[in-house]
């Protein structure tokens, strides 16, 4: 899916993962990306983008009401400047160390 130019200045604060995914899909983040140790790409595709070419445009965190293990993160990501998609991942204590390292590399502060 090719990227559009519009980015709302004040995105909504969705209450659920589903609401976050609907918001992102409305902006053209329609592909579901998956993280791998070597990069990320659309689910079910052999296409892989290096993390250095990915930009996190939106980030939403969710915490379970009573269980910290229910933490999740939803990211709206642009890869290579033209492909948009979303990533849903466990976050916090429920995430394995290798996956956490990849997420940290992806959610890096902007250069400059």
N, C-alpha and C. Protein backbone atom coordinates (compact mmCIF):
# COMPACT_ATOMS: atom_id res chain seq x y z
N UNK A 1 0.85 -1.17 0.00
CA UNK A 1 0.00 0.00 0.00
C UNK A 1 0.89 1.23 0.00
N UNK A 2 0.67 2.13 -0.92
CA UNK A 2 1.51 3.32 -1.00
C UNK A 2 1.06 4.37 -0.01
N UNK A 3 2.01 5.17 0.42
CA UNK A 3 1.76 6.17 1.47
C UNK A 3 1.05 7.39 0.91
N UNK A 4 0.20 7.96 1.75
CA UNK A 4 -0.42 9.26 1.46
C UNK A 4 0.35 10.30 2.26
N UNK A 5 -0.01 11.57 2.11
CA UNK A 5 0.75 12.63 2.77
C UNK A 5 0.15 13.12 4.08
N UNK A 6 -1.14 12.89 4.33
CA UNK A 6 -1.81 13.50 5.47
C UNK A 6 -1.46 12.81 6.78
N UNK A 7 -1.12 13.61 7.79
CA UNK A 7 -0.89 13.16 9.15
C UNK A 7 -1.66 14.10 10.07
N UNK A 8 -2.70 13.59 10.74
CA UNK A 8 -3.40 14.48 11.67
C UNK A 8 -2.46 15.01 12.74
N UNK A 9 -2.57 16.29 13.06
CA UNK A 9 -1.69 16.89 14.07
C UNK A 9 -2.06 16.41 15.47
N UNK A 10 -3.32 16.16 15.71
CA UNK A 10 -3.78 15.68 17.00
C UNK A 10 -4.55 14.37 16.81
N UNK A 11 -3.82 13.25 16.68
CA UNK A 11 -4.52 11.98 16.46
C UNK A 11 -5.36 11.62 17.68
N UNK A 12 -6.40 10.83 17.47
CA UNK A 12 -7.23 10.42 18.60
C UNK A 12 -6.44 9.51 19.55
N UNK A 13 -6.95 9.34 20.73
CA UNK A 13 -6.38 8.40 21.69
C UNK A 13 -7.34 7.22 21.79
N UNK A 14 -7.16 6.22 20.93
CA UNK A 14 -8.10 5.10 20.92
C UNK A 14 -8.08 4.35 22.25
N UNK A 15 -9.24 3.79 22.59
CA UNK A 15 -9.36 3.04 23.83
C UNK A 15 -9.05 1.57 23.66
N UNK A 16 -9.08 1.08 22.42
CA UNK A 16 -8.81 -0.34 22.16
C UNK A 16 -7.85 -0.49 21.00
N UNK A 17 -7.24 -1.66 20.92
CA UNK A 17 -6.35 -1.98 19.80
C UNK A 17 -7.13 -1.90 18.49
N UNK A 18 -8.35 -2.40 18.47
CA UNK A 18 -9.17 -2.36 17.26
C UNK A 18 -9.41 -0.93 16.80
N UNK A 19 -9.72 -0.02 17.72
CA UNK A 19 -9.92 1.39 17.35
C UNK A 19 -8.65 1.98 16.75
N UNK A 20 -7.50 1.64 17.30
CA UNK A 20 -6.23 2.14 16.77
C UNK A 20 -6.01 1.63 15.35
N UNK A 21 -6.30 0.35 15.12
CA UNK A 21 -6.11 -0.23 13.78
C UNK A 21 -7.07 0.38 12.77
N UNK A 22 -8.30 0.66 13.18
CA UNK A 22 -9.26 1.30 12.28
C UNK A 22 -8.78 2.70 11.92
N UNK A 23 -8.33 3.46 12.91
CA UNK A 23 -7.80 4.81 12.66
C UNK A 23 -6.65 4.75 11.65
N UNK A 24 -5.70 3.85 11.88
CA UNK A 24 -4.55 3.74 10.99
C UNK A 24 -4.97 3.31 9.58
N UNK A 25 -5.89 2.36 9.49
CA UNK A 25 -6.36 1.91 8.17
C UNK A 25 -7.00 3.05 7.39
N UNK A 26 -7.72 3.94 8.09
CA UNK A 26 -8.35 5.08 7.42
C UNK A 26 -7.31 6.04 6.85
N UNK A 27 -6.10 6.02 7.40
CA UNK A 27 -5.02 6.87 6.90
C UNK A 27 -4.12 6.16 5.89
N UNK A 28 -4.47 4.93 5.54
CA UNK A 28 -3.70 4.21 4.54
C UNK A 28 -2.69 3.22 5.10
N UNK A 29 -2.70 3.00 6.41
CA UNK A 29 -1.81 2.01 7.02
C UNK A 29 -2.53 0.65 7.01
N UNK A 30 -2.78 0.16 5.81
CA UNK A 30 -3.62 -1.02 5.66
C UNK A 30 -2.91 -2.35 5.75
N UNK A 31 -1.62 -2.38 5.49
CA UNK A 31 -0.90 -3.64 5.57
C UNK A 31 -0.60 -3.99 7.02
N UNK A 32 -0.65 -5.28 7.33
CA UNK A 32 -0.25 -5.74 8.65
C UNK A 32 1.21 -6.17 8.54
N UNK A 33 2.08 -5.49 9.26
CA UNK A 33 3.50 -5.81 9.25
C UNK A 33 3.83 -6.74 10.41
N UNK A 34 4.87 -7.53 10.21
CA UNK A 34 5.39 -8.34 11.30
C UNK A 34 6.87 -8.05 11.45
N UNK A 35 7.31 -8.08 12.70
CA UNK A 35 8.72 -7.83 13.01
C UNK A 35 9.49 -9.13 12.98
N UNK A 36 10.68 -9.07 12.41
CA UNK A 36 11.61 -10.18 12.45
C UNK A 36 12.94 -9.65 12.94
N UNK A 37 13.85 -10.53 13.23
CA UNK A 37 15.16 -10.09 13.72
C UNK A 37 15.93 -9.31 12.66
N UNK A 38 15.58 -9.50 11.38
CA UNK A 38 16.30 -8.83 10.30
C UNK A 38 15.55 -7.65 9.71
N UNK A 39 14.35 -7.34 10.22
CA UNK A 39 13.59 -6.23 9.69
C UNK A 39 12.10 -6.46 9.83
N UNK A 40 11.31 -5.80 8.98
CA UNK A 40 9.88 -5.99 9.03
C UNK A 40 9.30 -5.99 7.63
N UNK A 41 8.13 -6.58 7.50
CA UNK A 41 7.48 -6.64 6.20
C UNK A 41 6.05 -7.08 6.35
N UNK A 42 5.29 -7.03 5.25
CA UNK A 42 3.89 -7.44 5.29
C UNK A 42 3.76 -8.91 5.68
N UNK A 43 2.76 -9.21 6.50
CA UNK A 43 2.51 -10.59 6.92
C UNK A 43 2.27 -11.45 5.68
N UNK A 44 2.90 -12.61 5.63
CA UNK A 44 2.72 -13.54 4.53
C UNK A 44 3.52 -13.21 3.29
N UNK A 45 4.39 -12.22 3.36
CA UNK A 45 5.19 -11.81 2.20
C UNK A 45 6.66 -12.06 2.48
N UNK A 46 7.41 -12.33 1.44
CA UNK A 46 8.86 -12.49 1.59
C UNK A 46 9.56 -11.13 1.59
N UNK A 47 8.83 -10.08 1.27
CA UNK A 47 9.39 -8.73 1.24
C UNK A 47 9.82 -8.32 2.65
N UNK A 48 11.02 -7.80 2.77
CA UNK A 48 11.54 -7.42 4.07
C UNK A 48 12.19 -6.04 3.97
N UNK A 49 11.86 -5.17 4.92
CA UNK A 49 12.43 -3.82 4.96
C UNK A 49 13.36 -3.74 6.16
N UNK A 50 14.52 -3.15 5.97
CA UNK A 50 15.44 -2.95 7.09
C UNK A 50 14.83 -1.94 8.05
N UNK A 51 15.13 -2.13 9.33
CA UNK A 51 14.59 -1.21 10.33
C UNK A 51 15.04 0.21 10.10
N UNK A 52 16.21 0.39 9.51
CA UNK A 52 16.72 1.74 9.28
C UNK A 52 15.90 2.50 8.24
N UNK A 53 15.11 1.79 7.42
CA UNK A 53 14.27 2.45 6.42
C UNK A 53 12.84 2.67 6.93
N UNK A 54 12.56 2.24 8.16
CA UNK A 54 11.21 2.35 8.71
C UNK A 54 11.10 3.57 9.62
N UNK A 55 9.95 4.20 9.55
CA UNK A 55 9.66 5.37 10.38
C UNK A 55 8.35 5.11 11.12
N UNK A 56 8.37 5.23 12.44
CA UNK A 56 7.14 5.11 13.22
C UNK A 56 6.43 6.46 13.19
N UNK A 57 5.24 6.47 12.60
CA UNK A 57 4.45 7.69 12.48
C UNK A 57 3.46 7.85 13.64
N UNK A 58 2.94 6.73 14.12
CA UNK A 58 1.97 6.73 15.21
C UNK A 58 2.31 5.61 16.18
N UNK A 59 2.08 5.88 17.45
CA UNK A 59 2.35 4.89 18.49
C UNK A 59 1.24 4.98 19.54
N UNK A 60 0.59 3.86 19.78
CA UNK A 60 -0.47 3.80 20.78
C UNK A 60 -0.15 2.65 21.74
N UNK A 61 -0.19 2.92 23.04
CA UNK A 61 0.06 1.90 24.05
C UNK A 61 -1.23 1.60 24.79
N UNK A 62 -1.38 0.32 25.14
CA UNK A 62 -2.57 -0.13 25.86
C UNK A 62 -2.13 -0.98 27.03
N UNK A 63 -2.79 -0.78 28.16
CA UNK A 63 -2.51 -1.56 29.35
C UNK A 63 -3.78 -2.24 29.79
N UNK A 64 -3.64 -3.51 30.20
CA UNK A 64 -4.80 -4.23 30.73
C UNK A 64 -5.26 -3.59 32.03
N UNK A 65 -6.56 -3.58 32.30
CA UNK A 65 -7.08 -2.91 33.49
C UNK A 65 -6.54 -3.47 34.80
N UNK A 66 -6.23 -4.76 34.83
CA UNK A 66 -5.76 -5.33 36.10
C UNK A 66 -4.51 -6.18 35.95
N UNK A 67 -4.05 -6.40 34.73
CA UNK A 67 -2.92 -7.31 34.52
C UNK A 67 -1.87 -6.63 33.65
N UNK A 68 -0.70 -6.29 34.22
CA UNK A 68 0.35 -5.66 33.41
C UNK A 68 0.78 -6.53 32.23
N UNK A 69 0.52 -7.83 32.28
CA UNK A 69 0.86 -8.72 31.17
C UNK A 69 0.00 -8.49 29.96
N UNK A 70 -1.08 -7.71 30.11
CA UNK A 70 -1.97 -7.41 28.99
C UNK A 70 -1.51 -6.20 28.18
N UNK A 71 -0.31 -5.71 28.42
CA UNK A 71 0.16 -4.53 27.71
C UNK A 71 0.38 -4.84 26.24
N UNK A 72 0.01 -3.89 25.38
CA UNK A 72 0.21 -4.03 23.94
C UNK A 72 0.58 -2.66 23.37
N UNK A 73 1.18 -2.70 22.20
CA UNK A 73 1.52 -1.48 21.49
C UNK A 73 1.07 -1.64 20.04
N UNK A 74 0.54 -0.56 19.47
CA UNK A 74 0.15 -0.52 18.06
C UNK A 74 0.95 0.60 17.43
N UNK A 75 1.62 0.28 16.33
CA UNK A 75 2.45 1.26 15.63
C UNK A 75 1.93 1.45 14.21
N UNK A 76 1.92 2.70 13.75
CA UNK A 76 1.69 3.01 12.35
C UNK A 76 3.05 3.31 11.75
N UNK A 77 3.47 2.51 10.77
CA UNK A 77 4.85 2.55 10.27
C UNK A 77 4.87 2.80 8.76
N UNK A 78 5.80 3.66 8.32
CA UNK A 78 6.07 3.85 6.90
C UNK A 78 7.43 3.23 6.62
N UNK A 79 7.51 2.38 5.60
CA UNK A 79 8.77 1.72 5.22
C UNK A 79 9.23 2.23 3.86
N UNK A 80 10.50 2.52 3.79
CA UNK A 80 11.07 2.94 2.52
C UNK A 80 10.42 4.19 1.96
N UNK A 81 9.74 4.95 2.81
CA UNK A 81 9.11 6.19 2.37
C UNK A 81 7.84 6.01 1.57
N UNK A 82 7.39 4.74 1.35
CA UNK A 82 6.20 4.59 0.51
C UNK A 82 5.21 3.53 0.93
N UNK A 83 5.59 2.59 1.76
CA UNK A 83 4.65 1.55 2.18
C UNK A 83 4.23 1.78 3.63
N UNK A 84 2.92 1.73 3.86
CA UNK A 84 2.39 1.97 5.21
C UNK A 84 1.72 0.72 5.74
N UNK A 85 1.91 0.49 7.02
CA UNK A 85 1.26 -0.63 7.66
C UNK A 85 1.25 -0.46 9.16
N UNK A 86 0.71 -1.46 9.83
CA UNK A 86 0.62 -1.41 11.28
C UNK A 86 1.28 -2.64 11.88
N UNK A 87 1.74 -2.48 13.11
CA UNK A 87 2.32 -3.56 13.88
C UNK A 87 1.59 -3.59 15.21
N UNK A 88 1.15 -4.77 15.63
CA UNK A 88 0.58 -4.96 16.95
C UNK A 88 1.51 -5.92 17.67
N UNK A 89 1.93 -5.53 18.86
CA UNK A 89 2.90 -6.34 19.59
C UNK A 89 2.60 -6.30 21.08
N UNK A 90 2.98 -7.38 21.75
CA UNK A 90 3.00 -7.36 23.21
C UNK A 90 4.01 -6.30 23.62
N UNK A 91 3.86 -5.80 24.83
CA UNK A 91 4.75 -4.77 25.31
C UNK A 91 4.88 -4.94 26.82
N UNK A 92 6.00 -4.55 27.36
CA UNK A 92 6.20 -4.69 28.81
C UNK A 92 6.69 -6.08 29.17
N UNK A 93 6.27 -6.61 30.32
CA UNK A 93 6.82 -7.87 30.80
C UNK A 93 6.48 -9.08 29.93
N UNK A 94 5.45 -8.99 29.09
CA UNK A 94 5.03 -10.13 28.28
C UNK A 94 5.88 -10.35 27.03
N UNK A 95 6.74 -9.41 26.70
CA UNK A 95 7.50 -9.51 25.45
C UNK A 95 8.83 -10.23 25.68
N UNK A 96 9.22 -11.05 24.71
CA UNK A 96 10.50 -11.75 24.84
C UNK A 96 11.64 -10.78 24.54
N UNK A 97 12.84 -11.02 25.10
CA UNK A 97 13.95 -10.07 24.96
C UNK A 97 14.37 -9.76 23.52
N UNK A 98 14.39 -10.76 22.64
CA UNK A 98 14.79 -10.51 21.25
C UNK A 98 13.80 -9.59 20.55
N UNK A 99 12.51 -9.85 20.76
CA UNK A 99 11.47 -9.02 20.15
C UNK A 99 11.53 -7.60 20.72
N UNK A 100 11.80 -7.49 22.02
CA UNK A 100 11.92 -6.17 22.66
C UNK A 100 13.07 -5.38 22.04
N UNK A 101 14.18 -6.04 21.74
CA UNK A 101 15.33 -5.35 21.14
C UNK A 101 14.97 -4.82 19.74
N UNK A 102 14.22 -5.61 18.98
CA UNK A 102 13.81 -5.17 17.64
C UNK A 102 12.86 -3.98 17.75
N UNK A 103 11.92 -4.04 18.69
CA UNK A 103 11.01 -2.91 18.89
C UNK A 103 11.76 -1.65 19.30
N UNK A 104 12.72 -1.79 20.20
CA UNK A 104 13.51 -0.62 20.62
C UNK A 104 14.25 -0.01 19.44
N UNK A 105 14.79 -0.86 18.56
CA UNK A 105 15.49 -0.36 17.37
C UNK A 105 14.54 0.36 16.43
N UNK A 106 13.30 -0.13 16.34
CA UNK A 106 12.32 0.49 15.47
C UNK A 106 11.82 1.81 16.04
N UNK A 107 11.57 1.84 17.34
CA UNK A 107 11.04 3.04 18.00
C UNK A 107 12.20 3.88 18.49
N UNK A 108 13.07 4.22 17.60
CA UNK A 108 14.24 5.03 17.96
C UNK A 108 13.86 6.51 17.84
N UNK A 109 14.53 7.35 18.62
CA UNK A 109 14.25 8.79 18.48
C UNK A 109 14.60 9.27 17.08
N UNK A 110 13.86 10.26 16.56
CA UNK A 110 14.17 10.78 15.24
C UNK A 110 15.57 11.39 15.20
N UNK A 111 16.23 11.20 14.07
CA UNK A 111 17.59 11.78 13.90
C UNK A 111 17.48 13.29 13.77
N UNK A 112 18.52 13.96 14.23
CA UNK A 112 18.57 15.39 14.03
C UNK A 112 18.42 16.12 15.26
